[in-house]
Protein backbone atom coordinates (compact mmCIF):
# COMPACT_ATOMS: atom_id res chain seq x y z
CA UNK A 1 55.83 125.86 -27.61
CA UNK A 2 57.54 122.50 -28.09
CA UNK A 3 59.87 122.44 -31.09
CA UNK A 4 59.21 120.02 -33.90
CA UNK A 5 61.44 116.98 -33.92
CA UNK A 6 63.81 116.50 -36.84
CA UNK A 7 62.95 113.56 -39.09
CA UNK A 8 66.01 111.31 -39.46
CA UNK A 9 66.52 108.43 -41.88
CA UNK A 10 69.05 105.62 -41.51
CA UNK A 11 70.67 103.57 -44.26
CA UNK A 12 72.83 100.63 -43.20
CA UNK A 13 72.05 101.14 -39.50
CA UNK A 14 69.05 98.99 -38.54
CA UNK A 15 68.40 100.93 -35.33
CA UNK A 16 64.66 100.42 -35.68
CA UNK A 17 65.26 96.67 -35.41
CA UNK A 18 66.65 94.65 -32.51
CA UNK A 19 70.31 94.40 -33.50
CA UNK A 20 73.32 93.77 -31.24
CA UNK A 21 75.67 96.34 -32.75
CA UNK A 22 77.73 98.70 -30.60
CA UNK A 23 77.91 101.39 -33.27
CA UNK A 24 74.18 101.39 -34.00
CA UNK A 25 73.31 101.43 -30.31
CA UNK A 26 75.70 104.32 -29.66
CA UNK A 27 74.18 106.42 -32.46
CA UNK A 28 70.67 105.71 -31.19
CA UNK A 29 71.69 106.71 -27.66
CA UNK A 30 73.41 109.96 -28.68
CA UNK A 31 70.50 110.86 -30.96
CA UNK A 32 68.08 110.30 -28.07
CA UNK A 33 70.21 112.52 -25.83
CA UNK A 34 69.97 115.33 -28.39
CA UNK A 35 66.22 115.32 -27.67
CA UNK A 36 64.91 116.53 -31.00
CA UNK A 37 65.46 113.59 -33.37
CA UNK A 38 62.82 111.19 -34.60
CA UNK A 39 63.83 108.11 -36.63
CA UNK A 40 61.36 107.72 -39.49
CA UNK A 41 63.04 105.22 -41.81
CA UNK A 42 65.63 102.45 -41.53
CA UNK A 43 66.93 100.08 -44.21
CA UNK A 44 69.91 97.93 -45.06
CA UNK A 45 72.48 99.58 -47.30
CA UNK A 46 71.62 99.15 -50.99
CA UNK A 47 71.38 101.25 -54.12
CA UNK A 48 67.59 100.91 -53.99
CA UNK A 49 67.50 102.18 -50.41
CA UNK A 50 69.42 105.32 -51.41
CA UNK A 51 67.06 105.86 -54.34
CA UNK A 52 64.08 105.59 -51.98
CA UNK A 53 65.81 107.96 -49.56
CA UNK A 54 65.54 110.71 -52.18
CA UNK A 55 61.72 110.47 -52.07
CA UNK A 56 61.41 110.87 -48.28
CA UNK A 57 60.45 113.98 -46.36
CA UNK A 58 63.43 114.08 -43.98
CA UNK A 59 65.63 116.64 -42.32
CA UNK A 60 68.76 114.49 -42.45
CA UNK A 61 70.20 110.98 -42.60
CA UNK A 62 73.08 108.90 -41.26
CA UNK A 63 74.16 106.35 -43.83
CA UNK A 64 76.68 103.69 -44.74
CA UNK A 65 77.92 104.17 -48.31
CA UNK A 66 79.43 100.84 -49.34
CA UNK A 67 80.33 101.39 -53.01
CA UNK A 68 80.44 103.98 -55.78
CA UNK A 69 76.91 103.15 -57.00
CA UNK A 70 75.52 104.01 -53.54
CA UNK A 71 77.66 107.16 -53.48
CA UNK A 72 76.22 108.26 -56.81
CA UNK A 73 72.66 107.97 -55.44
CA UNK A 74 73.61 109.51 -52.09
CA UNK A 75 74.90 112.66 -53.79
CA UNK A 76 71.44 113.20 -55.30
CA UNK A 77 69.74 113.37 -51.89
CA UNK A 78 68.51 116.92 -51.27
CA UNK A 79 68.83 116.99 -47.46
CA UNK A 80 72.01 116.66 -45.32
CA UNK A 81 73.60 113.22 -44.90
CA UNK A 82 76.57 111.94 -42.90
CA UNK A 83 78.37 108.77 -43.96
CA UNK A 84 79.90 106.48 -41.31
CA UNK A 85 81.19 103.75 -43.63
CA UNK A 86 84.89 103.33 -44.43
CA UNK A 87 84.52 101.34 -47.65
CA UNK A 88 85.37 104.30 -49.89
CA UNK A 89 88.75 105.94 -49.27
CA UNK A 90 87.50 109.20 -50.81
CA UNK A 91 83.77 109.28 -50.03
CA UNK A 92 83.00 112.72 -51.42
CA UNK A 93 80.36 113.46 -48.74
CA UNK A 94 80.67 114.44 -45.05
CA UNK A 95 82.09 111.32 -43.38
CA UNK A 96 82.98 110.18 -39.87
CA UNK A 97 85.13 107.04 -39.70
CA UNK A 98 87.76 105.32 -37.60
CA UNK A 99 91.45 106.30 -37.73
CA UNK A 100 92.90 103.13 -39.23
CA UNK A 101 96.48 104.37 -39.35
CA UNK A 102 96.47 104.83 -35.58
CA UNK A 103 94.89 101.38 -35.16
CA UNK A 104 97.81 99.72 -36.98
CA UNK A 105 100.41 101.77 -35.11
CA UNK A 106 98.93 100.99 -31.69
CA UNK A 107 99.02 97.24 -32.39
CA UNK A 108 102.72 97.49 -33.23
CA UNK A 109 103.58 99.69 -30.26
CA UNK A 110 101.77 97.41 -27.81
CA UNK A 111 103.98 94.48 -28.80
CA UNK A 112 107.19 96.44 -29.36
CA UNK A 113 106.94 97.64 -25.77
CA UNK A 114 106.78 94.02 -24.68
CA UNK A 115 110.11 93.41 -26.40
CA UNK A 116 108.90 91.75 -29.60
CA UNK A 117 111.00 92.46 -32.68
CA UNK A 118 110.02 89.56 -34.98
CA UNK A 119 106.55 90.08 -36.45
CA UNK A 120 104.23 88.21 -38.73
CA UNK A 121 101.13 89.80 -40.24
CA UNK A 122 98.04 88.19 -41.77
CA UNK A 123 96.51 90.43 -44.43
CA UNK A 124 93.02 89.59 -45.68
CA UNK A 125 91.29 90.69 -48.89
CA UNK A 126 89.25 93.82 -48.35
CA UNK A 127 89.11 97.58 -48.44
CA UNK A 128 91.80 100.24 -48.50
CA UNK A 129 91.56 100.60 -44.71
CA UNK A 130 93.06 97.13 -44.19
CA UNK A 131 96.13 98.19 -46.18
CA UNK A 132 96.33 101.44 -44.23
CA UNK A 133 96.43 99.44 -40.98
CA UNK A 134 99.09 97.20 -42.52
CA UNK A 135 101.28 100.07 -43.76
CA UNK A 136 101.11 101.79 -40.36
CA UNK A 137 102.08 98.51 -38.68
CA UNK A 138 105.06 98.01 -41.00
CA UNK A 139 106.29 101.58 -40.50
CA UNK A 140 106.07 101.33 -36.70
CA UNK A 141 107.88 97.97 -36.58
CA UNK A 142 110.67 99.02 -38.94
CA UNK A 143 111.14 102.36 -37.17
CA UNK A 144 112.07 100.43 -34.02
CA UNK A 145 114.43 98.02 -35.78
CA UNK A 146 112.00 95.10 -36.02
CA UNK A 147 111.34 92.76 -38.92
CA UNK A 148 107.99 91.74 -40.40
CA UNK A 149 106.75 89.01 -42.74
CA UNK A 150 103.31 89.25 -44.33
CA UNK A 151 100.97 86.38 -45.23
CA UNK A 152 98.09 87.21 -47.58
CA UNK A 153 94.97 85.11 -47.15
CA UNK A 154 93.27 84.43 -50.46
CA UNK A 155 89.77 83.72 -49.16
CA UNK A 156 87.33 86.56 -48.68
CA UNK A 157 86.04 87.59 -45.27
CA UNK A 158 84.10 86.97 -43.14
CA UNK A 159 84.82 83.28 -42.81
CA UNK A 160 82.79 82.29 -39.75
CA UNK A 161 80.33 80.39 -41.91
CA UNK A 162 82.83 79.15 -44.49
CA UNK A 163 86.19 78.43 -42.79
CA UNK A 164 89.51 78.39 -44.61
CA UNK A 165 90.00 75.75 -47.30
CA UNK A 166 92.47 72.93 -46.65
CA UNK A 167 94.98 74.27 -49.19
CA UNK A 168 94.86 77.68 -47.51
CA UNK A 169 95.38 76.06 -44.10
CA UNK A 170 98.44 74.16 -45.30
CA UNK A 171 99.89 77.29 -46.85
CA UNK A 172 99.45 79.21 -43.58
CA UNK A 173 101.02 76.44 -41.46
CA UNK A 174 104.08 76.38 -43.74
CA UNK A 175 104.40 80.17 -43.53
CA UNK A 176 103.89 80.57 -39.78
CA UNK A 177 106.48 77.82 -39.18
CA UNK A 178 109.13 80.20 -40.54
CA UNK A 179 108.62 82.67 -37.64
CA UNK A 180 111.39 82.47 -35.05
CA UNK A 181 110.26 82.25 -31.42
CA UNK A 182 109.32 84.41 -29.65
CA UNK A 183 107.30 86.16 -32.34
CA UNK A 184 104.23 88.36 -32.65
CA UNK A 185 101.39 87.72 -35.10
CA UNK A 186 99.17 90.67 -36.05
CA UNK A 187 95.83 90.00 -37.76
CA UNK A 188 94.44 92.75 -39.95
CA UNK A 189 90.97 91.42 -39.11
CA UNK A 190 89.76 88.81 -36.63
CA UNK A 191 87.23 86.80 -38.66
CA UNK A 192 89.66 83.90 -39.13
CA UNK A 193 91.27 84.20 -35.68
CA UNK A 194 89.75 80.97 -34.21
CA UNK A 195 91.03 78.88 -37.12
CA UNK A 196 94.41 80.62 -37.22
CA UNK A 197 94.95 79.97 -33.52
CA UNK A 198 94.39 76.26 -34.07
CA UNK A 199 96.72 76.27 -37.07
CA UNK A 200 99.43 77.94 -34.97
CA UNK A 201 99.08 75.09 -32.47
CA UNK A 202 99.34 72.62 -35.34
CA UNK A 203 102.60 74.31 -36.35
CA UNK A 204 103.95 73.78 -32.82
CA UNK A 205 103.40 77.25 -31.35
CA UNK A 206 101.74 77.76 -27.99
CA UNK A 207 99.92 81.09 -27.59
CA UNK A 208 101.18 83.24 -25.92
CA UNK A 209 104.32 81.36 -24.83
CA UNK A 210 105.88 81.06 -28.31
CA UNK A 211 103.68 83.38 -30.32
CA UNK A 212 101.53 86.29 -29.21
CA UNK A 213 98.52 87.29 -31.32
CA UNK A 214 96.66 90.59 -31.65
CA UNK A 215 93.99 91.83 -34.07
CA UNK A 216 93.43 95.29 -35.55
CA UNK A 217 89.81 94.43 -36.31
CA UNK A 218 87.37 93.52 -33.52
CA UNK A 219 84.04 91.68 -33.83
CA UNK A 220 82.27 90.69 -30.62
CA UNK A 221 80.80 87.54 -32.20
CA UNK A 222 84.30 86.18 -32.96
CA UNK A 223 85.82 86.53 -29.49
CA UNK A 224 83.94 83.60 -27.83
CA UNK A 225 85.16 81.27 -30.59
CA UNK A 226 88.85 81.90 -29.89
CA UNK A 227 90.51 79.18 -27.82
CA UNK A 228 92.86 81.82 -26.37
CA UNK A 229 91.08 85.15 -25.70
CA UNK A 230 92.28 87.54 -28.40
CA UNK A 231 93.83 90.94 -27.71
CA UNK A 232 92.63 93.65 -30.08
CA UNK A 233 92.77 97.36 -30.82
CA UNK A 234 89.34 98.65 -29.79
CA UNK A 235 87.69 101.26 -31.99
CA UNK A 236 85.81 104.05 -30.21
CA UNK A 237 82.19 103.52 -31.28
CA UNK A 238 80.87 106.04 -28.75
CA UNK A 239 83.09 108.85 -30.03
CA UNK A 240 82.24 108.02 -33.66
CA UNK A 241 78.53 108.15 -32.81
CA UNK A 242 78.92 111.48 -31.03
CA UNK A 243 80.80 113.00 -33.98
CA UNK A 244 78.25 111.65 -36.49
CA UNK A 245 75.29 113.08 -34.55
CA UNK A 246 77.08 116.41 -34.04
CA UNK A 247 78.09 116.63 -37.70
CA UNK A 248 74.53 116.00 -38.91
CA UNK A 249 73.17 118.56 -36.45
CA UNK A 250 75.59 121.15 -37.88
CA UNK A 251 74.56 120.35 -41.45
CA UNK A 252 70.85 120.52 -40.62
CA UNK A 253 71.47 123.95 -39.08
CA UNK A 254 72.98 125.05 -42.42
CA UNK A 255 76.47 125.00 -40.96
CA UNK A 256 79.35 123.23 -42.62
CA UNK A 257 81.35 120.91 -40.31
CA UNK A 258 84.89 122.02 -39.58
CA UNK A 259 86.19 118.97 -41.44
CA UNK A 260 84.32 117.06 -44.18
CA UNK A 261 86.27 113.94 -43.19
CA UNK A 262 86.70 113.13 -39.48
CA UNK A 263 89.01 110.30 -38.40
CA UNK A 264 88.09 109.03 -34.93
CA UNK A 265 91.02 107.74 -32.80
CA UNK A 266 90.67 104.26 -31.25
CA UNK A 267 90.15 103.69 -27.54
CA UNK A 268 93.37 101.69 -27.38
CA UNK A 269 94.47 98.08 -26.98
CA UNK A 270 92.30 95.71 -24.99
CA UNK A 271 94.76 93.12 -23.74
CA UNK A 272 93.62 89.54 -23.29
CA UNK A 273 95.44 86.24 -22.82
CA UNK A 274 96.83 86.08 -26.38
CA UNK A 275 99.42 88.80 -25.62
CA UNK A 276 99.78 88.32 -21.86
CA UNK A 277 103.55 87.77 -21.87
CA UNK A 278 106.78 89.55 -22.75
CA UNK A 279 109.56 88.71 -25.21
CA UNK A 280 112.44 90.10 -23.17
CA UNK A 281 115.03 87.43 -22.42
CA UNK A 282 117.13 89.87 -20.36
CA UNK A 283 115.43 89.50 -16.99
CA UNK A 284 116.73 92.86 -15.71
CA UNK A 285 115.08 94.60 -18.65
CA UNK A 286 111.90 92.58 -18.22
CA UNK A 287 111.86 93.64 -14.57
CA UNK A 288 112.35 97.28 -15.59
CA UNK A 289 109.49 97.16 -18.11
CA UNK A 290 107.19 95.42 -15.64
CA UNK A 291 108.00 98.09 -13.03
CA UNK A 292 107.30 100.93 -15.51
CA UNK A 293 103.99 99.42 -16.61
CA UNK A 294 102.93 98.87 -13.00
CA UNK A 295 104.06 102.25 -11.61
CA UNK A 296 104.40 104.51 -14.66
CA UNK A 297 101.48 106.70 -13.60
CA UNK A 298 103.14 107.45 -10.28
CA UNK A 299 105.84 110.06 -9.73
CA UNK A 300 108.77 107.85 -10.81
CA UNK A 301 111.80 108.57 -12.98
CA UNK A 302 114.68 106.70 -14.61
CA UNK A 303 116.71 106.76 -11.38
CA UNK A 304 113.84 105.06 -9.53
CA UNK A 305 113.66 102.35 -12.20
CA UNK A 306 117.39 101.53 -12.12
CA UNK A 307 117.30 101.54 -8.31
CA UNK A 308 114.41 99.07 -8.29
CA UNK A 309 116.14 96.74 -10.77
CA UNK A 310 119.45 97.15 -8.89
CA UNK A 311 121.50 97.73 -12.02
CA UNK A 312 123.69 100.78 -12.62
CA UNK A 313 121.70 103.44 -14.46
CA UNK A 314 124.18 103.82 -17.36
CA UNK A 315 124.34 100.04 -17.86
CA UNK A 316 120.58 99.58 -17.69
CA UNK A 317 119.92 102.48 -20.07
CA UNK A 318 122.38 101.08 -22.62
CA UNK A 319 120.84 97.60 -22.48
CA UNK A 320 117.29 99.01 -22.55
CA UNK A 321 117.94 101.07 -25.68
CA UNK A 322 119.64 98.16 -27.44
CA UNK A 323 116.74 95.74 -26.82
CA UNK A 324 113.71 98.05 -26.75
CA UNK A 325 114.76 100.52 -29.44
CA UNK A 326 114.17 103.52 -27.16
CA UNK A 327 115.38 104.93 -23.88
CA UNK A 328 113.67 104.24 -20.56
CA UNK A 329 112.66 107.91 -20.44
CA UNK A 330 111.04 107.67 -23.88
CA UNK A 331 109.24 104.46 -22.91
CA UNK A 332 107.89 106.05 -19.72
CA UNK A 333 106.89 109.26 -21.51
CA UNK A 334 105.04 107.42 -24.31
CA UNK A 335 103.17 105.36 -21.72
CA UNK A 336 102.04 108.52 -19.93
CA UNK A 337 100.97 110.31 -23.10
CA UNK A 338 98.81 107.36 -24.18
CA UNK A 339 97.19 107.40 -20.75
CA UNK A 340 96.61 111.15 -21.10
CA UNK A 341 94.85 110.59 -24.43
CA UNK A 342 92.58 108.00 -22.83
CA UNK A 343 91.66 110.45 -20.07
CA UNK A 344 91.10 113.32 -22.51
CA UNK A 345 88.67 111.12 -24.44
CA UNK A 346 86.48 110.82 -21.34
CA UNK A 347 83.11 112.54 -21.12
CA UNK A 348 83.21 115.01 -19.45
CA UNK A 349 86.86 115.88 -20.15
CA UNK A 350 88.80 116.22 -16.87
CA UNK A 351 90.95 119.27 -16.22
CA UNK A 352 94.50 119.19 -17.60
CA UNK A 353 95.80 119.43 -14.04
CA UNK A 354 93.83 116.28 -13.11
CA UNK A 355 95.06 114.49 -16.25
CA UNK A 356 98.66 115.35 -15.36
CA UNK A 357 98.18 114.02 -11.83
CA UNK A 358 96.70 110.71 -13.06
CA UNK A 359 99.60 110.26 -15.51
CA UNK A 360 102.34 110.69 -12.93
CA UNK A 361 103.30 114.17 -14.13
CA UNK A 362 104.00 117.10 -11.84
CA UNK A 363 101.52 119.58 -13.28
CA UNK A 364 99.70 120.89 -16.34
CA UNK A 365 102.88 122.59 -17.62
CA UNK A 366 104.76 119.27 -17.61
CA UNK A 367 101.83 117.56 -19.35
CA UNK A 368 102.01 120.18 -22.12
CA UNK A 369 105.75 119.58 -22.53
CA UNK A 370 105.57 115.79 -22.90
CA UNK A 371 102.47 115.99 -25.10
CA UNK A 372 104.23 118.40 -27.47
CA UNK A 373 107.28 116.12 -27.56
CA UNK A 374 105.37 112.94 -28.40
CA UNK A 375 102.29 114.15 -30.29
CA UNK A 376 103.62 117.37 -31.81
CA UNK A 377 100.79 119.49 -30.39
CA UNK A 378 99.45 120.59 -27.03
CA UNK A 379 96.64 118.72 -25.24
CA UNK A 380 94.33 121.69 -25.93
CA UNK A 381 95.12 121.59 -29.66
CA UNK A 382 94.67 117.81 -29.69
CA UNK A 383 91.26 118.22 -28.02
CA UNK A 384 90.16 120.83 -30.58
CA UNK A 385 91.31 118.61 -33.45
CA UNK A 386 89.19 115.77 -32.08
CA UNK A 387 86.12 117.93 -31.66
CA UNK A 388 86.20 118.02 -27.87
């Protein structure tokens, strides 16, 4: 006998409409793969929608809780719900959201590894998660001996329809002109990126020659408007969707999820033309970094790097640490661990022996060693923590 499909409601995810949204599409796809879900209601997020949700005959719901009024109504719903909005720092209901601290750190590390030590940051008005990205960025930059100046935009986002006011533009041009070349500019969100790129040009900076630019917030509709294609930290919408579907399935089966709050790690940095250069004036070091990035997943070591650059190992290591804020071995190890994380996020998850091989490591034992050194836990523990 065919089992009855579960009746699922959606608030803030217009899956039943034709909407170009990666997150919505991913949830719809993973729900379809589960085979026993039926979407019966879809509405934009509002207090009224949550009130109506309480009257429905449903087995569960995936929702976006955008404020405390919605949260109050959501807590009155009698069937399981999973929230995928980040607007409330402490949502009080089972929630799956992106790991914003890691997003900010990855943006910093991407540019620090290219030799940048002078940073500017554009902070926009918004939720707590923007400040979490910003704080993680600041910590990562300062930990490596860099400096950072922050500019706070006063207009609210998004600004695609209503661009920055003239006074705000002048204020930004004056501020960005204080950054010493070569510098890195990190945007906490990308809504104003097209205008900010033009204002950087007005201030006399060519991107990426004088100033590289990266965003910690990515919106597909903004990218085509940027004169220089914008690098960004890419959130993992597929993994978030998988966790949300799995979490709701657990709740509907009268099982509590292992964690009431799941932070989903990002996919990583998608590099485009806006960061396609390096800030290393020492050409030997630039050559070393380029060699590591090109061959770091092969079986190379520090001796191979110094031999390729044709500089004595002790001399090259001293100069590398002075400029890059870490040793060549640390740089190579961090590169390999990030690659390992990308591979472990794949579906299906490859064997640890295969991951080690693709990261330029001798075997599974060596992968465990470097993972413990950098991440503080084994690959197996990291997989369990991320629900894999």
